[in-house]
């Protein structure tokens, strides 16, 4: 696991976590967790060694394999290595939402901004949330249900927060109000999609350095 901690910033000011998983056809899954202060400065970064389930695990875990890998083995492990508890954890990878059952902080999926062009397929090695069949409401208080991308996955409640669109599992609907209350001010200017680019580039750099 790779780690970065800003030792000079040891205070307990509010922070925001960004958690994602990259899929590599050869090596498997890489997890990355970036903790930022509300000005966008990095406080911590952690990433995992690659995880690749074998055929026996795929058979035995069945439909529970993805929540186990993304939520427990990757998500919970990364959050457990952090020195701070953020106001919320955001992800661009829907299966990571399963980590919510293992942590006390609210977790939300970041969706493309309203009016943004959705790519036909996510870039290679990027775990994305589901494509949507209809636009979100324009008012912050409006939301709608969205079926999960995988059979048996949780239904999602989407909502707008400042310039961002987020979603939470229906069974964690209370997180919507909690996140809105905690992040209302920073969401007006903070682009919640941008930090995931930093994570992907940091992991790619770490992989190159290890070769």
Foldseek 3Di string as FASTA:
>chain_A
DDKDADPVPPDQAAKEKEKEWFQDPVQGIKIKMFIAHLVRHTGMIDMDGHDDDDPVCCVVCPPNSLLCVQQPVHVVVVVVPDPHDHQEYEYQAVSNLSVCVVDDHHYKYWDDFPPDDDDPDDPHGGHGFDDDDDGFDPDQPGWDWADGPDVPDFIWTWGDAARTIIIHGPVVVVNSVSCNVVCNVSSNPDDPVPVVVVRVVVVVVVVVVVD
